[in-house]
């Protein structure tokens, strides 16, 4: 993993190395169960059966899992972390396919929702509502998309092909956002200039003042 985000293709040797994680929170607080679920799902774990999952054995992932195991044990649960080597190409290929399928479904949801972002900007522009408030609202929407894609990218260990399409669409969204911002700035500047001109005109002509 190059930067903790989008993952580069890895060698066959790296694809052989896996982590098996077995966790039980029976008898522990519900908050621990939720934490374990969120953490493992956030890492993109693929479950083999209840409470047992697999993850690629890479330094950032292994570190996160070790910390999770320690937390579970400290808070009353049981956990085990095993390092495995998969040499069967068929098994390895199926497992990698499962990881790619999972992130592909997530990326696909982003692609389903991004058109609404573009449609909103186009609609507001067509209505002449290129205002600072609309810019802030669209910026917040874009930030949510960027954060969403960033989280998916962290667990895109095997470079799902759809990822490049999502990143291209996100870049197009950033470009659209800049254009919308520029239009709002131009409109705001024009309105301000017109308002100042009216004030100066009233000052010169005495309009609005009693005689």
Protein backbone atom coordinates (compact mmCIF):
# COMPACT_ATOMS: atom_id res chain seq x y z
CA UNK A 1 0.00 0.00 0.00
CA UNK A 2 1.66 3.19 -1.11
CA UNK A 3 -0.10 5.91 0.87
CA UNK A 4 -2.81 4.33 2.97
CA UNK A 5 -5.28 5.23 0.25
CA UNK A 6 -5.57 3.83 -3.28
CA UNK A 7 -3.54 0.64 -3.44
CA UNK A 8 -1.05 -0.19 -6.11
CA UNK A 9 -0.97 -3.66 -7.73
CA UNK A 10 0.97 -6.07 -5.53
CA UNK A 11 3.27 -8.94 -6.37
CA UNK A 12 2.22 -12.59 -6.31
CA UNK A 13 4.24 -13.06 -3.11
CA UNK A 14 2.33 -10.23 -1.38
CA UNK A 15 -0.93 -11.80 -2.51
CA UNK A 16 0.06 -15.03 -0.76
CA UNK A 17 0.19 -13.40 2.69
CA UNK A 18 -3.05 -13.12 4.67
CA UNK A 19 -4.35 -12.49 8.15
CA UNK A 20 -7.02 -14.62 9.75
CA UNK A 21 -8.87 -12.81 12.53
CA UNK A 22 -11.16 -14.57 14.97
CA UNK A 23 -13.01 -12.38 17.47
CA UNK A 24 -15.68 -13.08 20.06
CA UNK A 25 -17.24 -10.33 22.16
CA UNK A 26 -19.65 -12.61 24.02
CA UNK A 27 -20.06 -11.29 27.54
CA UNK A 28 -18.37 -7.97 26.70
CA UNK A 29 -20.06 -4.59 26.38
CA UNK A 30 -22.20 -3.90 23.31
CA UNK A 31 -19.97 -0.94 22.52
CA UNK A 32 -17.04 -3.32 22.00
CA UNK A 33 -19.06 -5.47 19.61
CA UNK A 34 -19.96 -2.39 17.58
CA UNK A 35 -16.35 -1.19 17.60
CA UNK A 36 -15.08 -4.55 16.32
CA UNK A 37 -17.71 -4.65 13.59
CA UNK A 38 -16.95 -1.11 12.42
CA UNK A 39 -13.19 -1.61 12.50
CA UNK A 40 -13.14 -4.88 10.56
CA UNK A 41 -15.71 -3.67 8.05
CA UNK A 42 -13.74 -0.44 7.67
CA UNK A 43 -10.66 -2.50 6.82
CA UNK A 44 -12.70 -4.41 4.26
CA UNK A 45 -12.56 -7.82 5.94
CA UNK A 46 -14.12 -10.75 4.10
CA UNK A 47 -15.88 -13.15 6.47
CA UNK A 48 -15.34 -16.89 6.12
CA UNK A 49 -17.87 -17.63 8.84
CA UNK A 50 -19.33 -15.84 11.83
CA UNK A 51 -16.59 -14.08 13.82
CA UNK A 52 -13.82 -15.27 11.47
CA UNK A 53 -12.53 -13.12 8.65
CA UNK A 54 -9.54 -12.64 6.33
CA UNK A 55 -7.53 -9.58 5.40
CA UNK A 56 -4.39 -9.01 3.32
CA UNK A 57 -1.27 -9.21 5.48
CA UNK A 58 0.19 -5.76 4.93
CA UNK A 59 1.92 -3.63 7.57
CA UNK A 60 -0.81 -0.97 8.07
CA UNK A 61 -3.55 -3.62 8.16
CA UNK A 62 -1.63 -5.95 10.47
CA UNK A 63 -0.92 -3.05 12.83
CA UNK A 64 -4.57 -2.04 12.97
CA UNK A 65 -5.67 -5.61 13.62
CA UNK A 66 -3.08 -6.14 16.38
CA UNK A 67 -4.39 -3.04 18.15
CA UNK A 68 -7.94 -4.30 17.77
CA UNK A 69 -7.02 -7.72 19.18
CA UNK A 70 -5.39 -6.08 22.19
CA UNK A 71 -8.46 -3.91 22.80
CA UNK A 72 -10.81 -6.89 22.59
CA UNK A 73 -8.74 -8.90 25.07
CA UNK A 74 -8.43 -5.94 27.43
CA UNK A 75 -12.17 -5.32 27.43
CA UNK A 76 -13.29 -8.87 28.13
CA UNK A 77 -13.55 -10.47 24.72
CA UNK A 78 -11.41 -13.11 23.04
CA UNK A 79 -9.42 -12.64 19.85
CA UNK A 80 -6.79 -14.40 17.80
CA UNK A 81 -4.68 -13.20 14.89
CA UNK A 82 -3.00 -15.73 12.61
CA UNK A 83 -0.66 -15.13 9.66
CA UNK A 84 -1.45 -17.42 6.74
CA UNK A 85 0.12 -18.21 3.39
CA UNK A 86 -2.16 -19.07 0.47
CA UNK A 87 -0.28 -20.89 -2.26
CA UNK A 88 -3.27 -22.35 -4.10
CA UNK A 89 -3.82 -19.95 -7.02
CA UNK A 90 -7.49 -20.87 -7.30
CA UNK A 91 -8.24 -20.17 -3.65
CA UNK A 92 -6.18 -17.00 -3.76
CA UNK A 93 -7.91 -15.81 -6.92
CA UNK A 94 -11.37 -16.42 -5.46
CA UNK A 95 -10.47 -14.53 -2.30
CA UNK A 96 -9.07 -11.58 -4.22
CA UNK A 97 -12.22 -11.66 -6.35
CA UNK A 98 -14.33 -11.40 -3.19
CA UNK A 99 -12.40 -8.32 -2.05
CA UNK A 100 -12.72 -6.68 -5.45
CA UNK A 101 -16.44 -7.46 -5.63
CA UNK A 102 -17.00 -5.83 -2.25
CA UNK A 103 -15.31 -2.54 -3.12
CA UNK A 104 -16.78 -2.60 -6.63
CA UNK A 105 -20.26 -2.56 -5.11
CA UNK A 106 -19.27 0.41 -2.94
CA UNK A 107 -17.73 2.31 -5.84
CA UNK A 108 -20.83 1.60 -7.94
CA UNK A 109 -23.00 3.29 -5.32
CA UNK A 110 -20.82 6.40 -5.56
CA UNK A 111 -21.28 6.43 -9.34
CA UNK A 112 -25.03 6.10 -8.85
CA UNK A 113 -25.16 9.16 -6.59
CA UNK A 114 -22.68 11.51 -8.27
CA UNK A 115 -25.05 12.46 -11.14
CA UNK A 116 -27.30 14.16 -8.57
CA UNK A 117 -24.37 16.40 -7.62
CA UNK A 118 -23.86 17.50 -11.22
CA UNK A 119 -27.61 17.92 -11.75
CA UNK A 120 -27.88 20.18 -8.69
CA UNK A 121 -25.09 22.46 -9.89
CA UNK A 122 -26.58 22.62 -13.39
CA UNK A 123 -30.05 23.39 -12.02
CA UNK A 124 -28.85 26.16 -9.72
CA UNK A 125 -26.77 27.67 -12.51
CA UNK A 126 -29.73 27.60 -14.90
CA UNK A 127 -31.89 29.36 -12.28
CA UNK A 128 -29.23 32.01 -11.78
CA UNK A 129 -28.73 30.91 -8.18
CA UNK A 130 -24.95 31.02 -8.23
CA UNK A 131 -24.68 32.34 -4.70
CA UNK A 132 -22.20 31.92 -1.86
CA UNK A 133 -24.75 29.86 0.09
CA UNK A 134 -25.22 27.47 -2.82
CA UNK A 135 -21.45 27.18 -3.22
CA UNK A 136 -21.08 26.21 0.43
CA UNK A 137 -23.83 23.61 0.13
CA UNK A 138 -22.26 22.06 -2.98
CA UNK A 139 -18.81 22.12 -1.37
CA UNK A 140 -20.17 20.16 1.58
CA UNK A 141 -21.69 17.59 -0.80
CA UNK A 142 -18.40 17.25 -2.68
CA UNK A 143 -16.48 16.87 0.58
CA UNK A 144 -18.77 14.00 1.57
CA UNK A 145 -18.14 12.25 -1.75
CA UNK A 146 -14.39 12.72 -1.39
CA UNK A 147 -14.39 11.34 2.14
CA UNK A 148 -16.56 8.41 1.06
CA UNK A 149 -14.28 7.49 -1.85
CA UNK A 150 -11.24 7.91 0.40
CA UNK A 151 -12.59 5.32 2.82
CA UNK A 152 -13.33 2.86 0.04
CA UNK A 153 -9.88 3.39 -1.47
CA UNK A 154 -8.21 2.38 1.81
CA UNK A 155 -9.70 -1.11 1.49
CA UNK A 156 -9.29 -1.35 -2.29
CA UNK A 157 -6.29 -3.64 -1.79
CA UNK A 158 -6.38 -5.20 -5.25
CA UNK A 159 -7.15 -2.17 -7.42
CA UNK A 160 -10.70 -2.84 -8.55
CA UNK A 161 -10.96 -1.55 -12.16
CA UNK A 162 -14.01 0.58 -11.38
CA UNK A 163 -11.87 2.67 -9.02
CA UNK A 164 -10.27 4.58 -11.89
CA UNK A 165 -13.71 5.50 -13.24
CA UNK A 166 -14.79 6.76 -9.83
CA UNK A 167 -11.67 8.87 -9.43
CA UNK A 168 -12.19 10.36 -12.90
CA UNK A 169 -15.78 11.28 -12.04
CA UNK A 170 -14.67 12.77 -8.75
CA UNK A 171 -12.13 14.91 -10.57
CA UNK A 172 -14.89 16.03 -12.95
CA UNK A 173 -16.97 16.94 -9.90
CA UNK A 174 -14.10 19.05 -8.53
CA UNK A 175 -13.83 20.82 -11.88
CA UNK A 176 -17.58 21.50 -11.92
CA UNK A 177 -17.33 22.83 -8.37
CA UNK A 178 -14.58 25.27 -9.34
CA UNK A 179 -16.64 26.55 -12.27
CA UNK A 180 -19.69 26.98 -10.03
CA UNK A 181 -17.60 28.85 -7.49
CA UNK A 182 -16.18 31.12 -10.19
CA UNK A 183 -19.68 31.87 -11.46
CA UNK A 184 -20.85 32.71 -7.94
CA UNK A 185 -17.87 34.99 -7.40
CA UNK A 186 -18.51 36.79 -10.69
CA UNK A 187 -22.20 37.22 -9.90
CA UNK A 188 -21.48 38.45 -6.39
CA UNK A 189 -18.86 40.89 -7.64
CA UNK A 190 -21.17 42.22 -10.33
CA UNK A 191 -24.01 42.69 -7.84
CA UNK A 192 -21.72 44.48 -5.40
CA UNK A 193 -20.38 46.77 -8.11
CA UNK A 194 -23.92 47.63 -9.22
CA UNK A 195 -24.96 48.38 -5.64
CA UNK A 196 -21.94 50.65 -5.09
CA UNK A 197 -22.71 52.45 -8.34
CA UNK A 198 -26.26 53.16 -7.18
CA UNK A 199 -24.99 54.53 -3.88
CA UNK A 200 -22.58 56.85 -5.68
CA UNK A 201 -25.33 57.97 -8.05
CA UNK A 202 -27.65 58.82 -5.17
CA UNK A 203 -24.86 60.75 -3.48
CA UNK A 204 -24.20 62.81 -6.61
CA UNK A 205 -27.83 63.51 -7.49
CA UNK A 206 -29.05 63.94 -3.93
CA UNK A 207 -31.69 61.30 -4.53
CA UNK A 208 -33.23 60.09 -1.28
CA UNK A 209 -32.34 63.29 0.65
CA UNK A 210 -34.79 65.93 1.66
CA UNK A 211 -34.31 69.50 0.31
